[in-house]
Amino acid sequence: MNKKDIKLFIDFFHEASLKIRREKPAFIRGKDGNLVKSALKKFSRSQLEMMAVWFLAKKPKLKISLGAMLSKKVLEELARKIRDPNFWKELDEIYGQYFPRQIDISTLFLYGNDFAKRK
């Protein structure tokens, strides 16, 4: 965890807020950085990004802020939901809807004609 991870996550949260809720998030200078810094001690950046996507898609009544996303009640609910087998499928669908995976066509042909022979 370093300052770059904090900035990258805050940038991701901003982008995700615009894509999912079509609103800019409310950031509080210093406070939000410290919240992310402490969250990065428990979670990886990619885990926080998945949590942010879930929060933004599933909690439309809550304010778009890092404080709301990392609040005790939201994290407790998320911990309960994670145990549900359908949670990960649902999260993957949400993530795919707003952040479609990009496939580099040049990598499809790295392995010669093996891909074409399989068809």
PDB file of N, CA and C in Angstrom:
ATOM      1  N   MET A   1       0.848  -1.177   0.000  1.00  0.00           N
ATOM      2  CA  MET A   1       0.000   0.000   0.000  1.00  0.00           C
ATOM      3  C   MET A   1       0.894   1.241   0.000  1.00  0.00           C
ATOM      4  N   ASN A   2       0.628   2.128  -0.942  1.00  0.00           N
ATOM      5  CA  ASN A   2       1.378   3.369  -0.983  1.00  0.00           C
ATOM      6  C   ASN A   2       0.458   4.496  -1.433  1.00  0.00           C
ATOM      7  N   LYS A   3       1.011   5.687  -1.534  1.00  0.00           N
ATOM      8  CA  LYS A   3       0.206   6.847  -1.923  1.00  0.00           C
ATOM      9  C   LYS A   3      -0.395   6.684  -3.309  1.00  0.00           C
ATOM     10  N   LYS A   4       0.335   5.985  -4.176  1.00  0.00           N
ATOM     11  CA  LYS A   4      -0.158   5.776  -5.535  1.00  0.00           C
ATOM     12  C   LYS A   4      -1.447   4.947  -5.507  1.00  0.00           C
ATOM     13  N   ASP A   5      -1.488   3.905  -4.659  1.00  0.00           N
ATOM     14  CA  ASP A   5      -2.698   3.084  -4.535  1.00  0.00           C
ATOM     15  C   ASP A   5      -3.882   3.904  -4.032  1.00  0.00           C
ATOM     16  N   ILE A   6      -3.628   4.794  -3.102  1.00  0.00           N
ATOM     17  CA  ILE A   6      -4.685   5.651  -2.566  1.00  0.00           C
ATOM     18  C   ILE A   6      -5.250   6.517  -3.681  1.00  0.00           C
ATOM     19  N   LYS A   7      -4.379   7.158  -4.430  1.00  0.00           N
ATOM     20  CA  LYS A   7      -4.827   8.022  -5.525  1.00  0.00           C
ATOM     21  C   LYS A   7      -5.543   7.223  -6.607  1.00  0.00           C
ATOM     22  N   LEU A   8      -4.990   6.054  -6.961  1.00  0.00           N
ATOM     23  CA  LEU A   8      -5.613   5.224  -7.986  1.00  0.00           C
ATOM     24  C   LEU A   8      -7.016   4.790  -7.568  1.00  0.00           C
ATOM     25  N   PHE A   9      -7.185   4.431  -6.293  1.00  0.00           N
ATOM     26  CA  PHE A   9      -8.515   4.026  -5.848  1.00  0.00           C
ATOM     27  C   PHE A   9      -9.481   5.208  -5.850  1.00  0.00           C
ATOM     28  N   ILE A  10      -9.032   6.360  -5.384  1.00  0.00           N
ATOM     29  CA  ILE A  10      -9.902   7.538  -5.379  1.00  0.00           C
ATOM     30  C   ILE A  10     -10.299   7.904  -6.812  1.00  0.00           C
ATOM     31  N   ASP A  11      -9.363   7.815  -7.738  1.00  0.00           N
ATOM     32  CA  ASP A  11      -9.676   8.063  -9.150  1.00  0.00           C
ATOM     33  C   ASP A  11     -10.679   7.036  -9.677  1.00  0.00           C
ATOM     34  N   PHE A  12     -10.504   5.764  -9.300  1.00  0.00           N
ATOM     35  CA  PHE A  12     -11.436   4.730  -9.715  1.00  0.00           C
ATOM     36  C   PHE A  12     -12.830   5.013  -9.161  1.00  0.00           C
ATOM     37  N   PHE A  13     -12.906   5.398  -7.884  1.00  0.00           N
ATOM     38  CA  PHE A  13     -14.197   5.682  -7.253  1.00  0.00           C
ATOM     39  C   PHE A  13     -14.897   6.831  -7.977  1.00  0.00           C
ATOM     40  N   HIS A  14     -14.135   7.843  -8.355  1.00  0.00           N
ATOM     41  CA  HIS A  14     -14.704   8.975  -9.097  1.00  0.00           C
ATOM     42  C   HIS A  14     -15.262   8.494 -10.437  1.00  0.00           C
ATOM     43  N   GLU A  15     -14.466   7.725 -11.175  1.00  0.00           N
ATOM     44  CA  GLU A  15     -14.887   7.216 -12.478  1.00  0.00           C
ATOM     45  C   GLU A  15     -16.108   6.300 -12.345  1.00  0.00           C
ATOM     46  N   ALA A  16     -16.071   5.417 -11.368  1.00  0.00           N
ATOM     47  CA  ALA A  16     -17.186   4.488 -11.159  1.00  0.00           C
ATOM     48  C   ALA A  16     -18.462   5.234 -10.773  1.00  0.00           C
ATOM     49  N   SER A  17     -18.339   6.270  -9.980  1.00  0.00           N
ATOM     50  CA  SER A  17     -19.502   7.069  -9.588  1.00  0.00           C
ATOM     51  C   SER A  17     -20.149   7.701 -10.810  1.00  0.00           C
ATOM     52  N   LEU A  18     -19.331   8.217 -11.701  1.00  0.00           N
ATOM     53  CA  LEU A  18     -19.856   8.836 -12.918  1.00  0.00           C
ATOM     54  C   LEU A  18     -20.518   7.798 -13.827  1.00  0.00           C
ATOM     55  N   LYS A  19     -19.927   6.610 -13.933  1.00  0.00           N
ATOM     56  CA  LYS A  19     -20.485   5.572 -14.809  1.00  0.00           C
ATOM     57  C   LYS A  19     -21.756   4.957 -14.231  1.00  0.00           C
ATOM     58  N   ILE A  20     -21.751   4.664 -12.945  1.00  0.00           N
ATOM     59  CA  ILE A  20     -22.856   3.928 -12.347  1.00  0.00           C
ATOM     60  C   ILE A  20     -24.002   4.843 -11.931  1.00  0.00           C
ATOM     61  N   ARG A  21     -23.684   5.928 -11.254  1.00  0.00           N
ATOM     62  CA  ARG A  21     -24.742   6.813 -10.751  1.00  0.00           C
ATOM     63  C   ARG A  21     -24.883   8.114 -11.526  1.00  0.00           C
ATOM     64  N   ARG A  22     -23.949   8.355 -12.431  1.00  0.00           N
ATOM     65  CA  ARG A  22     -23.949   9.570 -13.244  1.00  0.00           C
ATOM     66  C   ARG A  22     -23.905  10.844 -12.389  1.00  0.00           C
ATOM     67  N   GLU A  23     -23.185  10.769 -11.290  1.00  0.00           N
ATOM     68  CA  GLU A  23     -22.982  11.910 -10.392  1.00  0.00           C
ATOM     69  C   GLU A  23     -21.531  11.914  -9.920  1.00  0.00           C
ATOM     70  N   LYS A  24     -21.049  13.116  -9.605  1.00  0.00           N
ATOM     71  CA  LYS A  24     -19.711  13.222  -9.036  1.00  0.00           C
ATOM     72  C   LYS A  24     -19.791  12.920  -7.538  1.00  0.00           C
ATOM     73  N   PRO A  25     -18.820  12.181  -7.030  1.00  0.00           N
ATOM     74  CA  PRO A  25     -18.813  11.905  -5.588  1.00  0.00           C
ATOM     75  C   PRO A  25     -18.356  13.119  -4.788  1.00  0.00           C
ATOM     76  N   ALA A  26     -18.735  13.135  -3.531  1.00  0.00           N
ATOM     77  CA  ALA A  26     -18.304  14.198  -2.623  1.00  0.00           C
ATOM     78  C   ALA A  26     -17.034  13.715  -1.913  1.00  0.00           C
ATOM     79  N   PHE A  27     -15.929  14.386  -2.151  1.00  0.00           N
ATOM     80  CA  PHE A  27     -14.667  14.035  -1.495  1.00  0.00           C
ATOM     81  C   PHE A  27     -14.333  15.071  -0.438  1.00  0.00           C
ATOM     82  N   ILE A  28     -13.773  14.605   0.670  1.00  0.00           N
ATOM     83  CA  ILE A  28     -13.304  15.501   1.731  1.00  0.00           C
ATOM     84  C   ILE A  28     -11.801  15.322   1.808  1.00  0.00           C
ATOM     85  N   ARG A  29     -11.096  16.375   1.433  1.00  0.00           N
ATOM     86  CA  ARG A  29      -9.630  16.320   1.360  1.00  0.00           C
ATOM     87  C   ARG A  29      -9.050  15.898   2.711  1.00  0.00           C
ATOM     88  N   GLY A  30      -8.131  14.985   2.679  1.00  0.00           N
ATOM     89  CA  GLY A  30      -7.479  14.497   3.895  1.00  0.00           C
ATOM     90  C   GLY A  30      -8.244  13.339   4.511  1.00  0.00           C
ATOM     91  N   LYS A  31      -9.513  13.549   4.819  1.00  0.00           N
ATOM     92  CA  LYS A  31     -10.310  12.518   5.486  1.00  0.00           C
ATOM     93  C   LYS A  31     -10.466  11.288   4.594  1.00  0.00           C
ATOM     94  N   ASP A  32     -10.831  11.507   3.326  1.00  0.00           N
ATOM     95  CA  ASP A  32     -11.035  10.370   2.433  1.00  0.00           C
ATOM     96  C   ASP A  32      -9.733   9.632   2.148  1.00  0.00           C
ATOM     97  N   GLY A  33      -8.651  10.354   2.020  1.00  0.00           N
ATOM     98  CA  GLY A  33      -7.353   9.717   1.824  1.00  0.00           C
ATOM     99  C   GLY A  33      -6.991   8.825   2.999  1.00  0.00           C
ATOM    100  N   ASN A  34      -7.275   9.306   4.203  1.00  0.00           N
ATOM    101  CA  ASN A  34      -6.991   8.511   5.399  1.00  0.00           C
ATOM    102  C   ASN A  34      -7.906   7.286   5.494  1.00  0.00           C
ATOM    103  N   LEU A  35      -9.168   7.443   5.076  1.00  0.00           N
ATOM    104  CA  LEU A  35     -10.090   6.307   5.065  1.00  0.00           C
ATOM    105  C   LEU A  35      -9.591   5.221   4.112  1.00  0.00           C
ATOM    106  N   VAL A  36      -9.178   5.640   2.930  1.00  0.00           N
ATOM    107  CA  VAL A  36      -8.678   4.685   1.938  1.00  0.00           C
ATOM    108  C   VAL A  36      -7.389   4.045   2.437  1.00  0.00           C
ATOM    109  N   LYS A  37      -6.541   4.849   3.047  1.00  0.00           N
ATOM    110  CA  LYS A  37      -5.271   4.328   3.574  1.00  0.00           C
ATOM    111  C   LYS A  37      -5.524   3.225   4.603  1.00  0.00           C
ATOM    112  N   SER A  38      -6.477   3.439   5.505  1.00  0.00           N
ATOM    113  CA  SER A  38      -6.764   2.413   6.511  1.00  0.00           C
ATOM    114  C   SER A  38      -7.474   1.214   5.882  1.00  0.00           C
ATOM    115  N   ALA A  39      -8.321   1.445   4.876  1.00  0.00           N
ATOM    116  CA  ALA A  39      -8.997   0.335   4.206  1.00  0.00           C
ATOM    117  C   ALA A  39      -8.001  -0.527   3.434  1.00  0.00           C
ATOM    118  N   LEU A  40      -6.969   0.103   2.878  1.00  0.00           N
ATOM    119  CA  LEU A  40      -5.957  -0.638   2.122  1.00  0.00           C
ATOM    120  C   LEU A  40      -5.089  -1.512   3.030  1.00  0.00           C
ATOM    121  N   LYS A  41      -5.160  -1.308   4.320  1.00  0.00           N
ATOM    122  CA  LYS A  41      -4.453  -2.183   5.256  1.00  0.00           C
ATOM    123  C   LYS A  41      -5.197  -3.516   5.400  1.00  0.00           C
ATOM    124  N   LYS A  42      -6.522  -3.490   5.151  1.00  0.00           N
ATOM    125  CA  LYS A  42      -7.341  -4.696   5.294  1.00  0.00           C
ATOM    126  C   LYS A  42      -7.652  -5.357   3.953  1.00  0.00           C
ATOM    127  N   PHE A  43      -7.782  -4.547   2.904  1.00  0.00           N
ATOM    128  CA  PHE A  43      -8.186  -5.043   1.596  1.00  0.00           C
ATOM    129  C   PHE A  43      -7.176  -4.622   0.542  1.00  0.00           C
ATOM    130  N   SER A  44      -7.139  -5.372  -0.557  1.00  0.00           N
ATOM    131  CA  SER A  44      -6.309  -4.959  -1.685  1.00  0.00           C
ATOM    132  C   SER A  44      -7.059  -3.874  -2.462  1.00  0.00           C
ATOM    133  N   ARG A  45      -6.351  -3.193  -3.350  1.00  0.00           N
ATOM    134  CA  ARG A  45      -7.003  -2.149  -4.147  1.00  0.00           C
ATOM    135  C   ARG A  45      -8.095  -2.749  -5.023  1.00  0.00           C
ATOM    136  N   SER A  46      -7.842  -3.915  -5.601  1.00  0.00           N
ATOM    137  CA  SER A  46      -8.856  -4.533  -6.458  1.00  0.00           C
ATOM    138  C   SER A  46     -10.089  -4.950  -5.654  1.00  0.00           C
ATOM    139  N   GLN A  47      -9.903  -5.395  -4.416  1.00  0.00           N
ATOM    140  CA  GLN A  47     -11.051  -5.715  -3.564  1.00  0.00           C
ATOM    141  C   GLN A  47     -11.858  -4.451  -3.253  1.00  0.00           C
ATOM    142  N   LEU A  48     -11.163  -3.361  -2.980  1.00  0.00           N
ATOM    143  CA  LEU A  48     -11.864  -2.096  -2.723  1.00  0.00           C
ATOM    144  C   LEU A  48     -12.629  -1.631  -3.958  1.00  0.00           C
ATOM    145  N   GLU A  49     -12.051  -1.841  -5.126  1.00  0.00           N
ATOM    146  CA  GLU A  49     -12.732  -1.446  -6.354  1.00  0.00           C
ATOM    147  C   GLU A  49     -14.008  -2.254  -6.544  1.00  0.00           C
ATOM    148  N   MET A  50     -13.958  -3.559  -6.272  1.00  0.00           N
ATOM    149  CA  MET A  50     -15.160  -4.385  -6.372  1.00  0.00           C
ATOM    150  C   MET A  50     -16.194  -3.943  -5.338  1.00  0.00           C
ATOM    151  N   MET A  51     -15.750  -3.616  -4.138  1.00  0.00           N
ATOM    152  CA  MET A  51     -16.661  -3.124  -3.106  1.00  0.00           C
ATOM    153  C   MET A  51     -17.317  -1.815  -3.550  1.00  0.00           C
ATOM    154  N   ALA A  52     -16.538  -0.955  -4.183  1.00  0.00           N
ATOM    155  CA  ALA A  52     -17.065   0.332  -4.640  1.00  0.00           C
ATOM    156  C   ALA A  52     -18.139   0.134  -5.702  1.00  0.00           C
ATOM    157  N   VAL A  53     -17.907  -0.780  -6.625  1.00  0.00           N
ATOM    158  CA  VAL A  53     -18.892  -1.056  -7.673  1.00  0.00           C
ATOM    159  C   VAL A  53     -20.177  -1.588  -7.040  1.00  0.00           C
ATOM    160  N   TRP A  54     -20.054  -2.515  -6.096  1.00  0.00           N
ATOM    161  CA  TRP A  54     -21.226  -3.045  -5.404  1.00  0.00           C
ATOM    162  C   TRP A  54     -21.963  -1.930  -4.667  1.00  0.00           C
ATOM    163  N   PHE A  55     -21.225  -1.123  -3.929  1.00  0.00           N
ATOM    164  CA  PHE A  55     -21.821  -0.027  -3.165  1.00  0.00           C
ATOM    165  C   PHE A  55     -22.575   0.939  -4.078  1.00  0.00           C
ATOM    166  N   LEU A  56     -21.941   1.353  -5.150  1.00  0.00           N
ATOM    167  CA  LEU A  56     -22.562   2.332  -6.043  1.00  0.00           C
ATOM    168  C   LEU A  56     -23.789   1.767  -6.756  1.00  0.00           C
ATOM    169  N   ALA A  57     -23.758   0.478  -7.091  1.00  0.00           N
ATOM    170  CA  ALA A  57     -24.884  -0.124  -7.803  1.00  0.00           C
ATOM    171  C   ALA A  57     -26.023  -0.528  -6.873  1.00  0.00           C
ATOM    172  N   LYS A  58     -25.690  -0.972  -5.678  1.00  0.00           N
ATOM    173  CA  LYS A  58     -26.706  -1.553  -4.797  1.00  0.00           C
ATOM    174  C   LYS A  58     -27.188  -0.633  -3.677  1.00  0.00           C
ATOM    175  N   LYS A  59     -26.550   0.484  -3.483  1.00  0.00           N
ATOM    176  CA  LYS A  59     -26.940   1.404  -2.412  1.00  0.00           C
ATOM    177  C   LYS A  59     -27.248   2.792  -2.979  1.00  0.00           C
ATOM    178  N   PRO A  60     -28.258   2.891  -3.850  1.00  0.00           N
ATOM    179  CA  PRO A  60     -28.533   4.182  -4.511  1.00  0.00           C
ATOM    180  C   PRO A  60     -29.041   5.271  -3.569  1.00  0.00           C
ATOM    181  N   LYS A  61     -29.554   4.891  -2.399  1.00  0.00           N
ATOM    182  CA  LYS A  61     -30.084   5.901  -1.476  1.00  0.00           C
ATOM    183  C   LYS A  61     -28.997   6.542  -0.621  1.00  0.00           C
ATOM    184  N   LEU A  62     -27.830   5.905  -0.563  1.00  0.00           N
ATOM    185  CA  LEU A  62     -26.738   6.455   0.244  1.00  0.00           C
ATOM    186  C   LEU A  62     -25.945   7.474  -0.552  1.00  0.00           C
ATOM    187  N   LYS A  63     -25.403   8.431   0.163  1.00  0.00           N
ATOM    188  CA  LYS A  63     -24.575   9.477  -0.440  1.00  0.00           C
ATOM    189  C   LYS A  63     -23.360   8.859  -1.135  1.00  0.00           C
ATOM    190  N   ILE A  64     -22.977   9.448  -2.257  1.00  0.00           N
ATOM    191  CA  ILE A  64     -21.803   8.956  -2.989  1.00  0.00           C
ATOM    192  C   ILE A  64     -20.560   9.530  -2.317  1.00  0.00           C
ATOM    193  N   SER A  65     -20.067   8.787  -1.334  1.00  0.00           N
ATOM    194  CA  SER A  65     -18.854   9.224  -0.644  1.00  0.00           C
ATOM    195  C   SER A  65     -18.103   8.007  -0.133  1.00  0.00           C
ATOM    196  N   LEU A  66     -16.823   8.180   0.051  1.00  0.00           N
ATOM    197  CA  LEU A  66     -16.008   7.089   0.578  1.00  0.00           C
ATOM    198  C   LEU A  66     -16.387   6.783   2.021  1.00  0.00           C
ATOM    199  N   GLY A  67     -16.770   7.805   2.753  1.00  0.00           N
ATOM    200  CA  GLY A  67     -17.195   7.607   4.138  1.00  0.00           C
ATOM    201  C   GLY A  67     -18.418   6.710   4.223  1.00  0.00           C
ATOM    202  N   ALA A  68     -19.384   6.925   3.337  1.00  0.00           N
ATOM    203  CA  ALA A  68     -20.588   6.085   3.320  1.00  0.00           C
ATOM    204  C   ALA A  68     -20.236   4.661   2.892  1.00  0.00           C
ATOM    205  N   MET A  69     -19.381   4.535   1.879  1.00  0.00           N
ATOM    206  CA  MET A  69     -19.004   3.217   1.390  1.00  0.00           C
ATOM    207  C   MET A  69     -18.266   2.414   2.459  1.00  0.00           C
ATOM    208  N   LEU A  70     -17.419   3.069   3.220  1.00  0.00           N
ATOM    209  CA  LEU A  70     -16.596   2.377   4.213  1.00  0.00           C
ATOM    210  C   LEU A  70     -17.195   2.437   5.617  1.00  0.00           C
ATOM    211  N   SER A  71     -18.473   2.817   5.706  1.00  0.00           N
ATOM    212  CA  SER A  71     -19.120   2.887   7.022  1.00  0.00           C
ATOM    213  C   SER A  71     -19.290   1.480   7.596  1.00  0.00           C
ATOM    214  N   LYS A  72     -19.409   1.428   8.896  1.00  0.00           N
ATOM    215  CA  LYS A  72     -19.509   0.151   9.599  1.00  0.00           C
ATOM    216  C   LYS A  72     -20.727  -0.649   9.129  1.00  0.00           C
ATOM    217  N   LYS A  73     -21.872  -0.003   8.984  1.00  0.00           N
ATOM    218  CA  LYS A  73     -23.101  -0.710   8.577  1.00  0.00           C
ATOM    219  C   LYS A  73     -22.987  -1.283   7.165  1.00  0.00           C
ATOM    220  N   VAL A  74     -22.427  -0.518   6.246  1.00  0.00           N
ATOM    221  CA  VAL A  74     -22.280  -0.996   4.871  1.00  0.00           C
ATOM    222  C   VAL A  74     -21.302  -2.171   4.832  1.00  0.00           C
ATOM    223  N   LEU A  75     -20.200  -2.071   5.550  1.00  0.00           N
ATOM    224  CA  LEU A  75     -19.223  -3.164   5.565  1.00  0.00           C
ATOM    225  C   LEU A  75     -19.791  -4.418   6.227  1.00  0.00           C
ATOM    226  N   GLU A  76     -20.642  -4.245   7.273  1.00  0.00           N
ATOM    227  CA  GLU A  76     -21.283  -5.398   7.904  1.00  0.00           C
ATOM    228  C   GLU A  76     -22.244  -6.078   6.929  1.00  0.00           C
ATOM    229  N   GLU A  77     -23.016  -5.275   6.193  1.00  0.00           N
ATOM    230  CA  GLU A  77     -23.930  -5.845   5.203  1.00  0.00           C
ATOM    231  C   GLU A  77     -23.154  -6.560   4.109  1.00  0.00           C
ATOM    232  N   LEU A  78     -22.080  -5.960   3.662  1.00  0.00           N
ATOM    233  CA  LEU A  78     -21.250  -6.570   2.629  1.00  0.00           C
ATOM    234  C   LEU A  78     -20.676  -7.901   3.120  1.00  0.00           C
ATOM    235  N   ALA A  79     -20.243  -7.944   4.372  1.00  0.00           N
ATOM    236  CA  ALA A  79     -19.702  -9.187   4.938  1.00  0.00           C
ATOM    237  C   ALA A  79     -20.764 -10.290   4.941  1.00  0.00           C
ATOM    238  N   ARG A  80     -22.024  -9.930   5.223  1.00  0.00           N
ATOM    239  CA  ARG A  80     -23.118 -10.910   5.183  1.00  0.00           C
ATOM    240  C   ARG A  80     -23.383 -11.362   3.750  1.00  0.00           C
ATOM    241  N   LYS A  81     -23.402 -10.417   2.817  1.00  0.00           N
ATOM    242  CA  LYS A  81     -23.709 -10.729   1.417  1.00  0.00           C
ATOM    243  C   LYS A  81     -22.640 -11.611   0.786  1.00  0.00           C
ATOM    244  N   ILE A  82     -21.395 -11.425   1.185  1.00  0.00           N
ATOM    245  CA  ILE A  82     -20.289 -12.194   0.600  1.00  0.00           C
ATOM    246  C   ILE A  82     -20.498 -13.694   0.819  1.00  0.00           C
ATOM    247  N   ARG A  83     -21.165 -14.058   1.901  1.00  0.00           N
ATOM    248  CA  ARG A  83     -21.392 -15.481   2.195  1.00  0.00           C
ATOM    249  C   ARG A  83     -22.427 -16.109   1.261  1.00  0.00           C
ATOM    250  N   ASP A  84     -23.233 -15.289   0.615  1.00  0.00           N
ATOM    251  CA  ASP A  84     -24.247 -15.777  -0.320  1.00  0.00           C
ATOM    252  C   ASP A  84     -23.568 -16.228  -1.610  1.00  0.00           C
ATOM    253  N   PRO A  85     -23.833 -17.456  -2.068  1.00  0.00           N
ATOM    254  CA  PRO A  85     -23.166 -17.955  -3.279  1.00  0.00           C
ATOM    255  C   PRO A  85     -23.468 -17.137  -4.537  1.00  0.00           C
ATOM    256  N   ASN A  86     -24.619 -16.498  -4.594  1.00  0.00           N
ATOM    257  CA  ASN A  86     -24.980 -15.707  -5.768  1.00  0.00           C
ATOM    258  C   ASN A  86     -24.334 -14.329  -5.781  1.00  0.00           C
ATOM    259  N   PHE A  87     -23.768 -13.932  -4.672  1.00  0.00           N
ATOM    260  CA  PHE A  87     -23.182 -12.597  -4.557  1.00  0.00           C
ATOM    261  C   PHE A  87     -22.100 -12.358  -5.608  1.00  0.00           C
ATOM    262  N   TRP A  88     -21.188 -13.311  -5.749  1.00  0.00           N
ATOM    263  CA  TRP A  88     -20.058 -13.114  -6.658  1.00  0.00           C
ATOM    264  C   TRP A  88     -20.502 -13.086  -8.113  1.00  0.00           C
ATOM    265  N   LYS A  89     -21.496 -13.897  -8.440  1.00  0.00           N
ATOM    266  CA  LYS A  89     -22.037 -13.879  -9.801  1.00  0.00           C
ATOM    267  C   LYS A  89     -22.682 -12.520 -10.077  1.00  0.00           C
ATOM    268  N   GLU A  90     -23.480 -12.055  -9.123  1.00  0.00           N
ATOM    269  CA  GLU A  90     -24.140 -10.755  -9.250  1.00  0.00           C
ATOM    270  C   GLU A  90     -23.115  -9.630  -9.368  1.00  0.00           C
ATOM    271  N   LEU A  91     -22.083  -9.689  -8.551  1.00  0.00           N
ATOM    272  CA  LEU A  91     -21.044  -8.668  -8.576  1.00  0.00           C
ATOM    273  C   LEU A  91     -20.302  -8.674  -9.908  1.00  0.00           C
ATOM    274  N   ASP A  92     -20.037  -9.863 -10.425  1.00  0.00           N
ATOM    275  CA  ASP A  92     -19.365  -9.978 -11.714  1.00  0.00           C
ATOM    276  C   ASP A  92     -20.230  -9.392 -12.834  1.00  0.00           C
ATOM    277  N   GLU A  93     -21.544  -9.608 -12.758  1.00  0.00           N
ATOM    278  CA  GLU A  93     -22.459  -9.044 -13.756  1.00  0.00           C
ATOM    279  C   GLU A  93     -22.485  -7.518 -13.679  1.00  0.00           C
ATOM    280  N   ILE A  94     -22.534  -6.989 -12.472  1.00  0.00           N
ATOM    281  CA  ILE A  94     -22.530  -5.533 -12.290  1.00  0.00           C
ATOM    282  C   ILE A  94     -21.233  -4.955 -12.829  1.00  0.00           C
ATOM    283  N   TYR A  95     -20.125  -5.572 -12.461  1.00  0.00           N
ATOM    284  CA  TYR A  95     -18.810  -5.093 -12.893  1.00  0.00           C
ATOM    285  C   TYR A  95     -18.706  -5.129 -14.413  1.00  0.00           C
ATOM    286  N   GLY A  96     -19.175  -6.221 -15.015  1.00  0.00           N
ATOM    287  CA  GLY A  96     -19.128  -6.357 -16.467  1.00  0.00           C
ATOM    288  C   GLY A  96     -20.018  -5.354 -17.186  1.00  0.00           C
ATOM    289  N   GLN A  97     -21.126  -4.989 -16.556  1.00  0.00           N
ATOM    290  CA  GLN A  97     -22.044  -4.017 -17.158  1.00  0.00           C
ATOM    291  C   GLN A  97     -21.409  -2.634 -17.260  1.00  0.00           C
ATOM    292  N   TYR A  98     -20.715  -2.215 -16.223  1.00  0.00           N
ATOM    293  CA  TYR A  98     -20.148  -0.870 -16.195  1.00  0.00           C
ATOM    294  C   TYR A  98     -18.691  -0.807 -16.621  1.00  0.00           C
ATOM    295  N   PHE A  99     -17.975  -1.919 -16.490  1.00  0.00           N
ATOM    296  CA  PHE A  99     -16.559  -1.965 -16.856  1.00  0.00           C
ATOM    297  C   PHE A  99     -16.300  -3.202 -17.708  1.00  0.00           C
ATOM    298  N   PRO A 100     -16.769  -3.170 -18.969  1.00  0.00           N
ATOM    299  CA  PRO A 100     -16.574  -4.359 -19.822  1.00  0.00           C
ATOM    300  C   PRO A 100     -15.094  -4.662 -19.995  1.00  0.00           C
ATOM    301  N   ARG A 101     -14.808  -5.942 -20.020  1.00  0.00           N
ATOM    302  CA  ARG A 101     -13.414  -6.364 -20.173  1.00  0.00           C
ATOM    303  C   ARG A 101     -12.965  -6.126 -21.603  1.00  0.00           C
ATOM    304  N   GLN A 102     -11.801  -5.547 -21.730  1.00  0.00           N
ATOM    305  CA  GLN A 102     -11.233  -5.274 -23.043  1.00  0.00           C
ATOM    306  C   GLN A 102     -10.337  -6.437 -23.429  1.00  0.00           C
ATOM    307  N   ILE A 103     -10.525  -6.960 -24.621  1.00  0.00           N
ATOM    308  CA  ILE A 103      -9.685  -8.048 -25.127  1.00  0.00           C
ATOM    309  C   ILE A 103      -8.806  -7.490 -26.228  1.00  0.00           C
ATOM    310  N   ASP A 104      -7.520  -7.686 -26.072  1.00  0.00           N
ATOM    311  CA  ASP A 104      -6.563  -7.245 -27.083  1.00  0.00           C
ATOM    312  C   ASP A 104      -6.493  -8.324 -28.158  1.00  0.00           C
ATOM    313  N   ILE A 105      -6.958  -7.998 -29.345  1.00  0.00           N
ATOM    314  CA  ILE A 105      -7.024  -8.966 -30.441  1.00  0.00           C
ATOM    315  C   ILE A 105      -5.648  -9.523 -30.771  1.00  0.00           C
ATOM    316  N   SER A 106      -4.614  -8.732 -30.631  1.00  0.00           N
ATOM    317  CA  SER A 106      -3.275  -9.224 -30.970  1.00  0.00           C
ATOM    318  C   SER A 106      -2.872 -10.392 -30.081  1.00  0.00           C
ATOM    319  N   THR A 107      -3.381 -10.467 -28.841  1.00  0.00           N
ATOM    320  CA  THR A 107      -3.023 -11.578 -27.963  1.00  0.00           C
ATOM    321  C   THR A 107      -3.717 -12.865 -28.374  1.00  0.00           C
ATOM    322  N   LEU A 108      -4.813 -12.777 -29.124  1.00  0.00           N
ATOM    323  CA  LEU A 108      -5.490 -13.985 -29.574  1.00  0.00           C
ATOM    324  C   LEU A 108      -4.625 -14.784 -30.547  1.00  0.00           C
ATOM    325  N   PHE A 109      -3.738 -14.107 -31.228  1.00  0.00           N
ATOM    326  CA  PHE A 109      -2.929 -14.767 -32.241  1.00  0.00           C
ATOM    327  C   PHE A 109      -1.499 -15.028 -31.781  1.00  0.00           C
ATOM    328  N   LEU A 110      -1.248 -14.888 -30.496  1.00  0.00           N
ATOM    329  CA  LEU A 110       0.096 -15.139 -29.971  1.00  0.00           C
ATOM    330  C   LEU A 110       0.480 -16.611 -30.056  1.00  0.00           C
ATOM    331  N   TYR A 111      -0.508 -17.475 -30.002  1.00  0.00           N
ATOM    332  CA  TYR A 111      -0.222 -18.896 -29.923  1.00  0.00           C
ATOM    333  C   TYR A 111      -0.387 -19.595 -31.274  1.00  0.00           C
ATOM    334  N   GLY A 112      -0.169 -18.867 -32.346  1.00  0.00           N
ATOM    335  CA  GLY A 112      -0.267 -19.452 -33.675  1.00  0.00           C
ATOM    336  C   GLY A 112      -1.707 -19.725 -34.072  1.00  0.00           C
ATOM    337  N   ASN A 113      -1.895 -20.793 -34.802  1.00  0.00           N
ATOM    338  CA  ASN A 113      -3.222 -21.127 -35.315  1.00  0.00           C
ATOM    339  C   ASN A 113      -3.961 -22.113 -34.416  1.00  0.00           C
ATOM    340  N   ASP A 114      -3.499 -22.330 -33.202  1.00  0.00           N
ATOM    341  CA  ASP A 114      -4.162 -23.274 -32.291  1.00  0.00           C
ATOM    342  C   ASP A 114      -5.618 -22.883 -32.070  1.00  0.00           C
ATOM    343  N   PHE A 115      -5.875 -21.606 -31.947  1.00  0.00           N
ATOM    344  CA  PHE A 115      -7.239 -21.125 -31.696  1.00  0.00           C
ATOM    345  C   PHE A 115      -8.126 -21.454 -32.896  1.00  0.00           C
ATOM    346  N   ALA A 116      -7.627 -21.233 -34.107  1.00  0.00           N
ATOM    347  CA  ALA A 116      -8.397 -21.498 -35.308  1.00  0.00           C
ATOM    348  C   ALA A 116      -8.630 -22.996 -35.497  1.00  0.00           C
ATOM    349  N   LYS A 117      -7.665 -23.841 -35.108  1.00  0.00           N
ATOM    350  CA  LYS A 117      -7.785 -25.285 -35.288  1.00  0.00           C
ATOM    351  C   LYS A 117      -8.853 -25.879 -34.372  1.00  0.00           C
ATOM    352  N   ARG A 118      -9.092 -25.260 -33.229  1.00  0.00           N
ATOM    353  CA  ARG A 118     -10.058 -25.777 -32.264  1.00  0.00           C
ATOM    354  C   ARG A 118     -11.486 -25.649 -32.758  1.00  0.00           C
ATOM    355  N   LYS A 119     -11.753 -24.728 -33.649  1.00  0.00           N
ATOM    356  CA  LYS A 119     -13.126 -24.513 -34.109  1.00  0.00           C
ATOM    357  C   LYS A 119     -13.616 -25.551 -35.048  1.00  0.00           C
TER     358      LYS A 119
END
